Amino acid sequence: SGRTDIPYAMGWFRQAPGKEREFVSAISWSGGSTRYADS
């Protein structure tokens, strides 16, 4: 919400207790490209 007129690339990250935040998945602003962590 808010300034949603700008196309944002988006991502998901996660952090488990005692661990650093890690990349999970991401998607381009168009939705046409994605990436995933191997796990």
Full PDB file with SEQRES, HELIX, SHEET, SSBOND, CRYST1, ORIGX, SCALE, CONECT and MASTER records, all heavy atoms in Angstrom:
SEQRES   1 A   39  SER GLY ARG THR ASP ILE PRO TYR ALA MET GLY TRP PHE          
SEQRES   2 A   39  ARG GLN ALA PRO GLY LYS GLU ARG GLU PHE VAL SER ALA          
SEQRES   3 A   39  ILE SER TRP SER GLY GLY SER THR ARG TYR ALA ASP SER          
SHEET    1 AA1 3 MET A  10  ARG A  14  0                                        
SHEET    2 AA1 3 GLU A  22  ILE A  27 -1                                        
SHEET    3 AA1 3 THR A  34  TYR A  36 -1                                        
CRYST1    1.000    1.000    1.000  90.00  90.00  90.00 P 1           1          
ORIGX1      1.000000  0.000000  0.000000        0.00000                         
ORIGX2      0.000000  1.000000  0.000000        0.00000                         
ORIGX3      0.000000  0.000000  1.000000        0.00000                         
SCALE1      1.000000  0.000000  0.000000        0.00000                         
SCALE2      0.000000  1.000000  0.000000        0.00000                         
SCALE3      0.000000  0.000000  1.000000        0.00000                         
ATOM      1  N   SER A   1       0.856  -1.191   0.000  1.00  0.00           N  
ATOM      2  CA  SER A   1       0.000   0.000   0.000  1.00  0.00           C  
ATOM      3  C   SER A   1       0.887   1.234   0.000  1.00  0.00           C  
ATOM      4  O   SER A   1       2.092   1.152   0.219  1.00  0.00           O  
ATOM      5  CB  SER A   1      -0.923  -0.005   1.215  1.00  0.00           C  
ATOM      6  OG  SER A   1      -0.181   0.014   2.412  1.00  0.00           O  
ATOM      7  N   GLY A   2       0.282   2.378  -0.259  1.00  0.00           N  
ATOM      8  CA  GLY A   2       1.051   3.607  -0.342  1.00  0.00           C  
ATOM      9  C   GLY A   2       1.379   3.929  -1.783  1.00  0.00           C  
ATOM     10  O   GLY A   2       0.502   3.890  -2.639  1.00  0.00           O  
ATOM     11  N   ARG A   3       2.632   4.145  -2.067  1.00  0.00           N  
ATOM     12  CA  ARG A   3       3.064   4.528  -3.405  1.00  0.00           C  
ATOM     13  C   ARG A   3       3.203   3.268  -4.266  1.00  0.00           C  
ATOM     14  O   ARG A   3       4.284   2.732  -4.456  1.00  0.00           O  
ATOM     15  CB  ARG A   3       4.397   5.268  -3.318  1.00  0.00           C  
ATOM     16  CG  ARG A   3       4.905   5.786  -4.655  1.00  0.00           C  
ATOM     17  CD  ARG A   3       4.316   7.114  -5.016  1.00  0.00           C  
ATOM     18  NE  ARG A   3       4.647   7.512  -6.367  1.00  0.00           N  
ATOM     19  CZ  ARG A   3       5.726   8.203  -6.713  1.00  0.00           C  
ATOM     20  NH1 ARG A   3       6.606   8.559  -5.775  1.00  0.00           N  
ATOM     21  NH2 ARG A   3       5.939   8.511  -7.961  1.00  0.00           N  
ATOM     22  N   THR A   4       2.073   2.806  -4.786  1.00  0.00           N  
ATOM     23  CA  THR A   4       2.084   1.565  -5.548  1.00  0.00           C  
ATOM     24  C   THR A   4       2.061   1.805  -7.053  1.00  0.00           C  
ATOM     25  O   THR A   4       1.938   0.858  -7.824  1.00  0.00           O  
ATOM     26  CB  THR A   4       0.893   0.680  -5.155  1.00  0.00           C  
ATOM     27  OG1 THR A   4      -0.321   1.419  -5.338  1.00  0.00           O  
ATOM     28  CG2 THR A   4       1.000   0.233  -3.708  1.00  0.00           C  
ATOM     29  N   ASP A   5       2.200   3.063  -7.465  1.00  0.00           N  
ATOM     30  CA  ASP A   5       2.234   3.331  -8.890  1.00  0.00           C  
ATOM     31  C   ASP A   5       3.604   3.033  -9.488  1.00  0.00           C  
ATOM     32  O   ASP A   5       3.753   2.962 -10.704  1.00  0.00           O  
ATOM     33  CB  ASP A   5       1.868   4.791  -9.154  1.00  0.00           C  
ATOM     34  CG  ASP A   5       2.779   5.760  -8.415  1.00  0.00           C  
ATOM     35  OD1 ASP A   5       3.083   5.490  -7.232  1.00  0.00           O  
ATOM     36  OD2 ASP A   5       3.186   6.760  -9.007  1.00  0.00           O  
ATOM     37  N   ILE A   6       4.595   2.827  -8.625  1.00  0.00           N  
ATOM     38  CA  ILE A   6       5.943   2.477  -9.083  1.00  0.00           C  
ATOM     39  C   ILE A   6       6.052   0.963  -9.168  1.00  0.00           C  
ATOM     40  O   ILE A   6       5.642   0.266  -8.249  1.00  0.00           O  
ATOM     41  CB  ILE A   6       6.996   3.022  -8.102  1.00  0.00           C  
ATOM     42  CG1 ILE A   6       6.912   4.539  -8.019  1.00  0.00           C  
ATOM     43  CG2 ILE A   6       8.383   2.579  -8.523  1.00  0.00           C  
ATOM     44  CD1 ILE A   6       7.814   5.126  -6.968  1.00  0.00           C  
ATOM     45  N   PRO A   7       6.608   0.424 -10.244  1.00  0.00           N  
ATOM     46  CA  PRO A   7       6.763  -1.034 -10.327  1.00  0.00           C  
ATOM     47  C   PRO A   7       7.923  -1.505  -9.443  1.00  0.00           C  
ATOM     48  O   PRO A   7       9.063  -1.120  -9.655  1.00  0.00           O  
ATOM     49  CB  PRO A   7       7.067  -1.273 -11.805  1.00  0.00           C  
ATOM     50  CG  PRO A   7       7.692  -0.006 -12.272  1.00  0.00           C  
ATOM     51  CD  PRO A   7       7.077   1.098 -11.470  1.00  0.00           C  
ATOM     52  N   TYR A   8       7.638  -2.317  -8.469  1.00  0.00           N  
ATOM     53  CA  TYR A   8       8.646  -2.793  -7.526  1.00  0.00           C  
ATOM     54  C   TYR A   8       9.035  -4.238  -7.816  1.00  0.00           C  
ATOM     55  O   TYR A   8       8.165  -5.088  -7.964  1.00  0.00           O  
ATOM     56  CB  TYR A   8       8.106  -2.741  -6.099  1.00  0.00           C  
ATOM     57  CG  TYR A   8       7.795  -1.355  -5.586  1.00  0.00           C  
ATOM     58  CD1 TYR A   8       6.510  -0.839  -5.681  1.00  0.00           C  
ATOM     59  CD2 TYR A   8       8.778  -0.578  -4.994  1.00  0.00           C  
ATOM     60  CE1 TYR A   8       6.222   0.426  -5.204  1.00  0.00           C  
ATOM     61  CE2 TYR A   8       8.493   0.688  -4.517  1.00  0.00           C  
ATOM     62  CZ  TYR A   8       7.217   1.183  -4.630  1.00  0.00           C  
ATOM     63  OH  TYR A   8       6.942   2.435  -4.165  1.00  0.00           O  
ATOM     64  N   ALA A   9      10.323  -4.489  -7.871  1.00  0.00           N  
ATOM     65  CA  ALA A   9      10.774  -5.877  -7.803  1.00  0.00           C  
ATOM     66  C   ALA A   9      10.550  -6.341  -6.370  1.00  0.00           C  
ATOM     67  O   ALA A   9      10.749  -5.571  -5.425  1.00  0.00           O  
ATOM     68  CB  ALA A   9      12.247  -5.971  -8.169  1.00  0.00           C  
ATOM     69  N   MET A  10      10.129  -7.581  -6.192  1.00  0.00           N  
ATOM     70  CA  MET A  10       9.753  -8.064  -4.868  1.00  0.00           C  
ATOM     71  C   MET A  10      10.526  -9.324  -4.517  1.00  0.00           C  
ATOM     72  O   MET A  10      10.952 -10.076  -5.403  1.00  0.00           O  
ATOM     73  CB  MET A  10       8.251  -8.381  -4.834  1.00  0.00           C  
ATOM     74  CG  MET A  10       7.354  -7.221  -5.209  1.00  0.00           C  
ATOM     75  SD  MET A  10       7.320  -5.937  -3.969  1.00  0.00           S  
ATOM     76  CE  MET A  10       6.463  -6.769  -2.635  1.00  0.00           C  
ATOM     77  N   GLY A  11      10.659  -9.550  -3.226  1.00  0.00           N  
ATOM     78  CA  GLY A  11      11.352 -10.753  -2.786  1.00  0.00           C  
ATOM     79  C   GLY A  11      10.828 -11.247  -1.457  1.00  0.00           C  
ATOM     80  O   GLY A  11      10.157 -10.519  -0.722  1.00  0.00           O  
ATOM     81  N   TRP A  12      11.125 -12.502  -1.189  1.00  0.00           N  
ATOM     82  CA  TRP A  12      10.854 -13.110   0.114  1.00  0.00           C  
ATOM     83  C   TRP A  12      12.168 -13.559   0.726  1.00  0.00           C  
ATOM     84  O   TRP A  12      12.998 -14.176   0.048  1.00  0.00           O  
ATOM     85  CB  TRP A  12       9.931 -14.325  -0.036  1.00  0.00           C  
ATOM     86  CG  TRP A  12       8.500 -13.998  -0.338  1.00  0.00           C  
ATOM     87  CD1 TRP A  12       7.912 -13.977  -1.570  1.00  0.00           C  
ATOM     88  CD2 TRP A  12       7.479 -13.669   0.601  1.00  0.00           C  
ATOM     89  NE1 TRP A  12       6.586 -13.638  -1.448  1.00  0.00           N  
ATOM     90  CE2 TRP A  12       6.294 -13.454  -0.120  1.00  0.00           C  
ATOM     91  CE3 TRP A  12       7.442 -13.532   1.996  1.00  0.00           C  
ATOM     92  CZ2 TRP A  12       5.085 -13.112   0.493  1.00  0.00           C  
ATOM     93  CZ3 TRP A  12       6.248 -13.196   2.601  1.00  0.00           C  
ATOM     94  CH2 TRP A  12       5.083 -12.990   1.852  1.00  0.00           C  
ATOM     95  N   PHE A  13      12.329 -13.247   1.993  1.00  0.00           N  
ATOM     96  CA  PHE A  13      13.480 -13.686   2.765  1.00  0.00           C  
ATOM     97  C   PHE A  13      12.965 -14.342   4.042  1.00  0.00           C  
ATOM     98  O   PHE A  13      11.795 -14.173   4.405  1.00  0.00           O  
ATOM     99  CB  PHE A  13      14.367 -12.480   3.116  1.00  0.00           C  
ATOM    100  CG  PHE A  13      15.033 -11.862   1.924  1.00  0.00           C  
ATOM    101  CD1 PHE A  13      14.333 -11.038   1.062  1.00  0.00           C  
ATOM    102  CD2 PHE A  13      16.374 -12.116   1.655  1.00  0.00           C  
ATOM    103  CE1 PHE A  13      14.936 -10.470  -0.053  1.00  0.00           C  
ATOM    104  CE2 PHE A  13      16.993 -11.555   0.547  1.00  0.00           C  
ATOM    105  CZ  PHE A  13      16.269 -10.730  -0.304  1.00  0.00           C  
ATOM    106  N   ARG A  14      13.831 -15.073   4.706  1.00  0.00           N  
ATOM    107  CA  ARG A  14      13.426 -15.678   5.969  1.00  0.00           C  
ATOM    108  C   ARG A  14      14.584 -15.668   6.949  1.00  0.00           C  
ATOM    109  O   ARG A  14      15.754 -15.620   6.561  1.00  0.00           O  
ATOM    110  CB  ARG A  14      12.923 -17.109   5.757  1.00  0.00           C  
ATOM    111  CG  ARG A  14      13.994 -18.095   5.307  1.00  0.00           C  
ATOM    112  CD  ARG A  14      13.357 -19.444   4.964  1.00  0.00           C  
ATOM    113  NE  ARG A  14      14.354 -20.424   4.561  1.00  0.00           N  
ATOM    114  CZ  ARG A  14      14.060 -21.634   4.089  1.00  0.00           C  
ATOM    115  NH1 ARG A  14      12.781 -22.020   3.959  1.00  0.00           N  
ATOM    116  NH2 ARG A  14      15.016 -22.467   3.745  1.00  0.00           N  
ATOM    117  N   GLN A  15      14.212 -15.706   8.221  1.00  0.00           N  
ATOM    118  CA  GLN A  15      15.223 -15.738   9.273  1.00  0.00           C  
ATOM    119  C   GLN A  15      14.777 -16.704  10.352  1.00  0.00           C  
ATOM    120  O   GLN A  15      13.723 -16.513  10.982  1.00  0.00           O  
ATOM    121  CB  GLN A  15      15.451 -14.353   9.864  1.00  0.00           C  
ATOM    122  CG  GLN A  15      16.603 -14.296  10.844  1.00  0.00           C  
ATOM    123  CD  GLN A  15      17.021 -12.873  11.169  1.00  0.00           C  
ATOM    124  OE1 GLN A  15      16.248 -11.925  10.985  1.00  0.00           O  
ATOM    125  NE2 GLN A  15      18.249 -12.715  11.636  1.00  0.00           N  
ATOM    126  N   ALA A  16      15.589 -17.714  10.556  1.00  0.00           N  
ATOM    127  CA  ALA A  16      15.341 -18.695  11.607  1.00  0.00           C  
ATOM    128  C   ALA A  16      16.060 -18.260  12.877  1.00  0.00           C  
ATOM    129  O   ALA A  16      17.023 -17.497  12.808  1.00  0.00           O  
ATOM    130  CB  ALA A  16      15.835 -20.070  11.161  1.00  0.00           C  
ATOM    131  N   PRO A  17      15.621 -18.733  14.037  1.00  0.00           N  
ATOM    132  CA  PRO A  17      16.268 -18.348  15.292  1.00  0.00           C  
ATOM    133  C   PRO A  17      17.758 -18.657  15.276  1.00  0.00           C  
ATOM    134  O   PRO A  17      18.166 -19.773  14.916  1.00  0.00           O  
ATOM    135  CB  PRO A  17      15.531 -19.189  16.335  1.00  0.00           C  
ATOM    136  CG  PRO A  17      14.212 -19.468  15.731  1.00  0.00           C  
ATOM    137  CD  PRO A  17      14.455 -19.599  14.262  1.00  0.00           C  
ATOM    138  N   GLY A  18      18.558 -17.670  15.629  1.00  0.00           N  
ATOM    139  CA  GLY A  18      19.992 -17.867  15.709  1.00  0.00           C  
ATOM    140  C   GLY A  18      20.710 -17.873  14.376  1.00  0.00           C  
ATOM    141  O   GLY A  18      21.926 -18.119  14.326  1.00  0.00           O  
ATOM    142  N   LYS A  19      19.971 -17.610  13.304  1.00  0.00           N  
ATOM    143  CA  LYS A  19      20.581 -17.619  11.974  1.00  0.00           C  
ATOM    144  C   LYS A  19      20.406 -16.271  11.297  1.00  0.00           C  
ATOM    145  O   LYS A  19      19.556 -15.466  11.683  1.00  0.00           O  
ATOM    146  CB  LYS A  19      19.954 -18.721  11.113  1.00  0.00           C  
ATOM    147  CG  LYS A  19      20.229 -20.126  11.611  1.00  0.00           C  
ATOM    148  CD  LYS A  19      19.735 -21.155  10.617  1.00  0.00           C  
ATOM    149  CE  LYS A  19      20.069 -22.561  11.066  1.00  0.00           C  
ATOM    150  NZ  LYS A  19      19.628 -23.585  10.080  1.00  0.00           N  
ATOM    151  N   GLU A  20      21.210 -16.041  10.280  1.00  0.00           N  
ATOM    152  CA  GLU A  20      21.095 -14.807   9.525  1.00  0.00           C  
ATOM    153  C   GLU A  20      19.911 -14.896   8.552  1.00  0.00           C  
ATOM    154  O   GLU A  20      19.494 -15.991   8.151  1.00  0.00           O  
ATOM    155  CB  GLU A  20      22.385 -14.534   8.760  1.00  0.00           C  
ATOM    156  CG  GLU A  20      23.567 -14.219   9.662  1.00  0.00           C  
ATOM    157  CD  GLU A  20      24.771 -13.714   8.891  1.00  0.00           C  
ATOM    158  OE1 GLU A  20      24.727 -13.741   7.650  1.00  0.00           O  
ATOM    159  OE2 GLU A  20      25.740 -13.301   9.539  1.00  0.00           O  
ATOM    160  N   ARG A  21      19.426 -13.732   8.171  1.00  0.00           N  
ATOM    161  CA  ARG A  21      18.362 -13.680   7.184  1.00  0.00           C  
ATOM    162  C   ARG A  21      18.885 -14.226   5.862  1.00  0.00           C  
ATOM    163  O   ARG A  21      20.005 -13.924   5.452  1.00  0.00           O  
ATOM    164  CB  ARG A  21      17.894 -12.239   7.011  1.00  0.00           C  
ATOM    165  CG  ARG A  21      16.710 -12.061   6.091  1.00  0.00           C  
ATOM    166  CD  ARG A  21      16.126 -10.681   6.256  1.00  0.00           C  
ATOM    167  NE  ARG A  21      17.100  -9.622   5.993  1.00  0.00           N  
ATOM    168  CZ  ARG A  21      16.914  -8.355   6.277  1.00  0.00           C  
ATOM    169  NH1 ARG A  21      15.784  -7.968   6.855  1.00  0.00           N  
ATOM    170  NH2 ARG A  21      17.843  -7.457   5.995  1.00  0.00           N  
ATOM    171  N   GLU A  22      18.047 -15.023   5.191  1.00  0.00           N  
ATOM    172  CA  GLU A  22      18.473 -15.617   3.936  1.00  0.00           C  
ATOM    173  C   GLU A  22      17.429 -15.416   2.851  1.00  0.00           C  
ATOM    174  O   GLU A  22      16.227 -15.291   3.117  1.00  0.00           O  
ATOM    175  CB  GLU A  22      18.744 -17.120   4.108  1.00  0.00           C  
ATOM    176  CG  GLU A  22      17.537 -17.947   4.460  1.00  0.00           C  
ATOM    177  CD  GLU A  22      17.837 -19.448   4.479  1.00  0.00           C  
ATOM    178  OE1 GLU A  22      18.976 -19.855   4.185  1.00  0.00           O  
ATOM    179  OE2 GLU A  22      16.902 -20.216   4.779  1.00  0.00           O  
ATOM    180  N   PHE A  23      17.907 -15.404   1.642  1.00  0.00           N  
ATOM    181  CA  PHE A  23      17.051 -15.254   0.468  1.00  0.00           C  
ATOM    182  C   PHE A  23      16.221 -16.512   0.266  1.00  0.00           C  
ATOM    183  O   PHE A  23      16.724 -17.624   0.418  1.00  0.00           O  
ATOM    184  CB  PHE A  23      17.927 -14.996  -0.761  1.00  0.00           C  
ATOM    185  CG  PHE A  23      17.199 -15.081  -2.067  1.00  0.00           C  
ATOM    186  CD1 PHE A  23      16.346 -14.076  -2.483  1.00  0.00           C  
ATOM    187  CD2 PHE A  23      17.373 -16.181  -2.893  1.00  0.00           C  
ATOM    188  CE1 PHE A  23      15.681 -14.150  -3.692  1.00  0.00           C  
ATOM    189  CE2 PHE A  23      16.714 -16.281  -4.109  1.00  0.00           C  
ATOM    190  CZ  PHE A  23      15.879 -15.263  -4.505  1.00  0.00           C  
ATOM    191  N   VAL A  24      14.951 -16.325  -0.097  1.00  0.00           N  
ATOM    192  CA  VAL A  24      14.073 -17.449  -0.400  1.00  0.00           C  
ATOM    193  C   VAL A  24      13.677 -17.434  -1.875  1.00  0.00           C  
ATOM    194  O   VAL A  24      13.888 -18.397  -2.601  1.00  0.00           O  
ATOM    195  CB  VAL A  24      12.810 -17.417   0.481  1.00  0.00           C  
ATOM    196  CG1 VAL A  24      11.844 -18.533   0.076  1.00  0.00           C  
ATOM    197  CG2 VAL A  24      13.173 -17.529   1.951  1.00  0.00           C  
ATOM    198  N   SER A  25      13.112 -16.303  -2.302  1.00  0.00           N  
ATOM    199  CA  SER A  25      12.611 -16.220  -3.672  1.00  0.00           C  
ATOM    200  C   SER A  25      12.420 -14.768  -4.045  1.00  0.00           C  
ATOM    201  O   SER A  25      12.272 -13.904  -3.167  1.00  0.00           O  
ATOM    202  CB  SER A  25      11.289 -16.984  -3.790  1.00  0.00           C  
ATOM    203  OG  SER A  25      10.809 -16.958  -5.125  1.00  0.00           O  
ATOM    204  N   ALA A  26      12.421 -14.484  -5.354  1.00  0.00           N  
ATOM    205  CA  ALA A  26      12.207 -13.126  -5.824  1.00  0.00           C  
ATOM    206  C   ALA A  26      11.523 -13.155  -7.180  1.00  0.00           C  
ATOM    207  O   ALA A  26      11.595 -14.147  -7.912  1.00  0.00           O  
ATOM    208  CB  ALA A  26      13.529 -12.361  -5.904  1.00  0.00           C  
ATOM    209  N   ILE A  27      10.880 -12.031  -7.493  1.00  0.00           N  
ATOM    210  CA  ILE A  27      10.152 -11.916  -8.756  1.00  0.00           C  
ATOM    211  C   ILE A  27      10.356 -10.522  -9.313  1.00  0.00           C  
ATOM    212  O   ILE A  27      10.416  -9.540  -8.565  1.00  0.00           O  
ATOM    213  CB  ILE A  27       8.657 -12.237  -8.535  1.00  0.00           C  
ATOM    214  CG1 ILE A  27       7.897 -12.343  -9.858  1.00  0.00           C  
ATOM    215  CG2 ILE A  27       8.002 -11.226  -7.603  1.00  0.00           C  
ATOM    216  CD1 ILE A  27       6.509 -12.980  -9.707  1.00  0.00           C  
ATOM    217  N   SER A  28      10.494 -10.431 -10.619  1.00  0.00           N  
ATOM    218  CA  SER A  28      10.655  -9.132 -11.270  1.00  0.00           C  
ATOM    219  C   SER A  28       9.358  -8.338 -11.198  1.00  0.00           C  
ATOM    220  O   SER A  28       8.293  -8.898 -10.931  1.00  0.00           O  
ATOM    221  CB  SER A  28      11.062  -9.339 -12.721  1.00  0.00           C  
ATOM    222  OG  SER A  28      10.046 -10.064 -13.416  1.00  0.00           O  
ATOM    223  N   TRP A  29       9.453  -7.028 -11.450  1.00  0.00           N  
ATOM    224  CA  TRP A  29       8.238  -6.226 -11.332  1.00  0.00           C  
ATOM    225  C   TRP A  29       7.200  -6.614 -12.370  1.00  0.00           C  
ATOM    226  O   TRP A  29       6.003  -6.445 -12.150  1.00  0.00           O  
ATOM    227  CB  TRP A  29       8.542  -4.733 -11.371  1.00  0.00           C  
ATOM    228  CG  TRP A  29       9.110  -4.164 -12.641  1.00  0.00           C  
ATOM    229  CD1 TRP A  29      10.408  -3.831 -12.886  1.00  0.00           C  
ATOM    230  CD2 TRP A  29       8.391  -3.800 -13.836  1.00  0.00           C  
ATOM    231  NE1 TRP A  29      10.541  -3.306 -14.140  1.00  0.00           N  
ATOM    232  CE2 TRP A  29       9.327  -3.267 -14.751  1.00  0.00           C  
ATOM    233  CE3 TRP A  29       7.050  -3.862 -14.226  1.00  0.00           C  
ATOM    234  CZ2 TRP A  29       8.959  -2.814 -16.012  1.00  0.00           C  
ATOM    235  CZ3 TRP A  29       6.686  -3.411 -15.478  1.00  0.00           C  
ATOM    236  CH2 TRP A  29       7.639  -2.899 -16.359  1.00  0.00           C  
ATOM    237  N   SER A  30       7.648  -7.145 -13.496  1.00  0.00           N  
ATOM    238  CA  SER A  30       6.701  -7.574 -14.533  1.00  0.00           C  
ATOM    239  C   SER A  30       6.061  -8.915 -14.196  1.00  0.00           C  
ATOM    240  O   SER A  30       5.025  -9.279 -14.763  1.00  0.00           O  
ATOM    241  CB  SER A  30       7.420  -7.684 -15.867  1.00  0.00           C  
ATOM    242  OG  SER A  30       8.337  -8.767 -15.839  1.00  0.00           O  
ATOM    243  N   GLY A  31       6.703  -9.661 -13.292  1.00  0.00           N  
ATOM    244  CA  GLY A  31       6.231 -11.004 -12.983  1.00  0.00           C  
ATOM    245  C   GLY A  31       6.766 -12.063 -13.922  1.00  0.00           C  
ATOM    246  O   GLY A  31       6.518 -13.251 -13.722  1.00  0.00           O  
ATOM    247  N   GLY A  32       7.541 -11.652 -14.916  1.00  0.00           N  
ATOM    248  CA  GLY A  32       7.990 -12.587 -15.924  1.00  0.00           C  
ATOM    249  C   GLY A  32       9.229 -13.381 -15.557  1.00  0.00           C  
ATOM    250  O   GLY A  32       9.541 -14.384 -16.203  1.00  0.00           O  
ATOM    251  N   SER A  33       9.945 -12.943 -14.521  1.00  0.00           N  
ATOM    252  CA  SER A  33      11.159 -13.646 -14.114  1.00  0.00           C  
ATOM    253  C   SER A  33      11.095 -13.934 -12.623  1.00  0.00           C  
ATOM    254  O   SER A  33      10.630 -13.099 -11.839  1.00  0.00           O  
ATOM    255  CB  SER A  33      12.395 -12.801 -14.412  1.00  0.00           C  
ATOM    256  OG  SER A  33      12.517 -12.561 -15.803  1.00  0.00           O  
ATOM    257  N   THR A  34      11.589 -15.108 -12.254  1.00  0.00           N  
ATOM    258  CA  THR A  34      11.618 -15.512 -10.852  1.00  0.00           C  
ATOM    259  C   THR A  34      12.947 -16.175 -10.529  1.00  0.00           C  
ATOM    260  O   THR A  34      13.692 -16.609 -11.430  1.00  0.00           O  
ATOM    261  CB  THR A  34      10.483 -16.497 -10.515  1.00  0.00           C  
ATOM    262  OG1 THR A  34      10.607 -17.656 -11.350  1.00  0.00           O  
ATOM    263  CG2 THR A  34       9.119 -15.866 -10.752  1.00  0.00           C  
ATOM    264  N   ARG A  35      13.250 -16.260  -9.249  1.00  0.00           N  
ATOM    265  CA  ARG A  35      14.469 -16.929  -8.784  1.00  0.00           C  
ATOM    266  C   ARG A  35      14.158 -17.564  -7.437  1.00  0.00           C  
ATOM    267  O   ARG A  35      13.370 -17.034  -6.657  1.00  0.00           O  
ATOM    268  CB  ARG A  35      15.606 -15.927  -8.664  1.00  0.00           C  
ATOM    269  CG  ARG A  35      16.955 -16.520  -8.300  1.00  0.00           C  
ATOM    270  CD  ARG A  35      18.021 -15.446  -8.287  1.00  0.00           C  
ATOM    271  NE  ARG A  35      18.169 -14.845  -9.618  1.00  0.00           N  
ATOM    272  CZ  ARG A  35      18.746 -13.669  -9.832  1.00  0.00           C  
ATOM    273  NH1 ARG A  35      19.206 -12.960  -8.808  1.00  0.00           N  
ATOM    274  NH2 ARG A  35      18.853 -13.202 -11.044  1.00  0.00           N  
ATOM    275  N   TYR A  36      14.820 -18.678  -7.177  1.00  0.00           N  
ATOM    276  CA  TYR A  36      14.610 -19.403  -5.924  1.00  0.00           C  
ATOM    277  C   TYR A  36      15.936 -19.821  -5.312  1.00  0.00           C  
ATOM    278  O   TYR A  36      16.894 -20.135  -6.030  1.00  0.00           O  
ATOM    279  CB  TYR A  36      13.763 -20.651  -6.169  1.00  0.00           C  
ATOM    280  CG  TYR A  36      12.386 -20.356  -6.715  1.00  0.00           C  
ATOM    281  CD1 TYR A  36      12.150 -20.326  -8.081  1.00  0.00           C  
ATOM    282  CD2 TYR A  36      11.316 -20.092  -5.850  1.00  0.00           C  
ATOM    283  CE1 TYR A  36      10.888 -20.042  -8.583  1.00  0.00           C  
ATOM    284  CE2 TYR A  36      10.052 -19.809  -6.344  1.00  0.00           C  
ATOM    285  CZ  TYR A  36       9.853 -19.781  -7.716  1.00  0.00           C  
ATOM    286  OH  TYR A  36       8.598 -19.496  -8.211  1.00  0.00           O  
ATOM    287  N   ALA A  37      15.950 -19.862  -4.017  1.00  0.00           N  
ATOM    288  CA  ALA A  37      17.079 -20.474  -3.327  1.00  0.00           C  
ATOM    289  C   ALA A  37      17.056 -21.965  -3.616  1.00  0.00           C  
ATOM    290  O   ALA A  37      15.981 -22.560  -3.786  1.00  0.00           O  
ATOM    291  CB  ALA A  37      16.977 -20.224  -1.823  1.00  0.00           C  
ATOM    292  N   ASP A  38      18.225 -22.577  -3.651  1.00  0.00           N  
ATOM    293  CA  ASP A  38      18.299 -24.007  -3.943  1.00  0.00           C  
ATOM    294  C   ASP A  38      17.490 -24.824  -2.938  1.00  0.00           C  
ATOM    295  O   ASP A  38      16.914 -25.855  -3.291  1.00  0.00           O  
ATOM    296  CB  ASP A  38      19.752 -24.468  -3.932  1.00  0.00           C  
ATOM    297  CG  ASP A  38      20.532 -23.963  -5.145  1.00  0.00           C  
ATOM    298  OD1 ASP A  38      19.901 -23.546  -6.139  1.00  0.00           O  
ATOM    299  OD2 ASP A  38      21.782 -23.987  -5.087  1.00  0.00           O  
ATOM    300  N   SER A  39      17.436 -24.360  -1.714  1.00  0.00           N  
ATOM    301  CA  SER A  39      16.770 -25.117  -0.653  1.00  0.00           C  
ATOM    302  C   SER A  39      15.251 -25.195  -0.832  1.00  0.00           C  
ATOM    303  O   SER A  39      14.599 -26.049  -0.226  1.00  0.00           O  
ATOM    304  CB  SER A  39      17.093 -24.509   0.710  1.00  0.00           C  
ATOM    305  OG  SER A  39      16.673 -23.149   0.754  1.00  0.00           O  
TER     306      SER A  39                                                      
MASTER        0    0    0    0    3    0    0    6  305    1    0    3          
END                                                                             
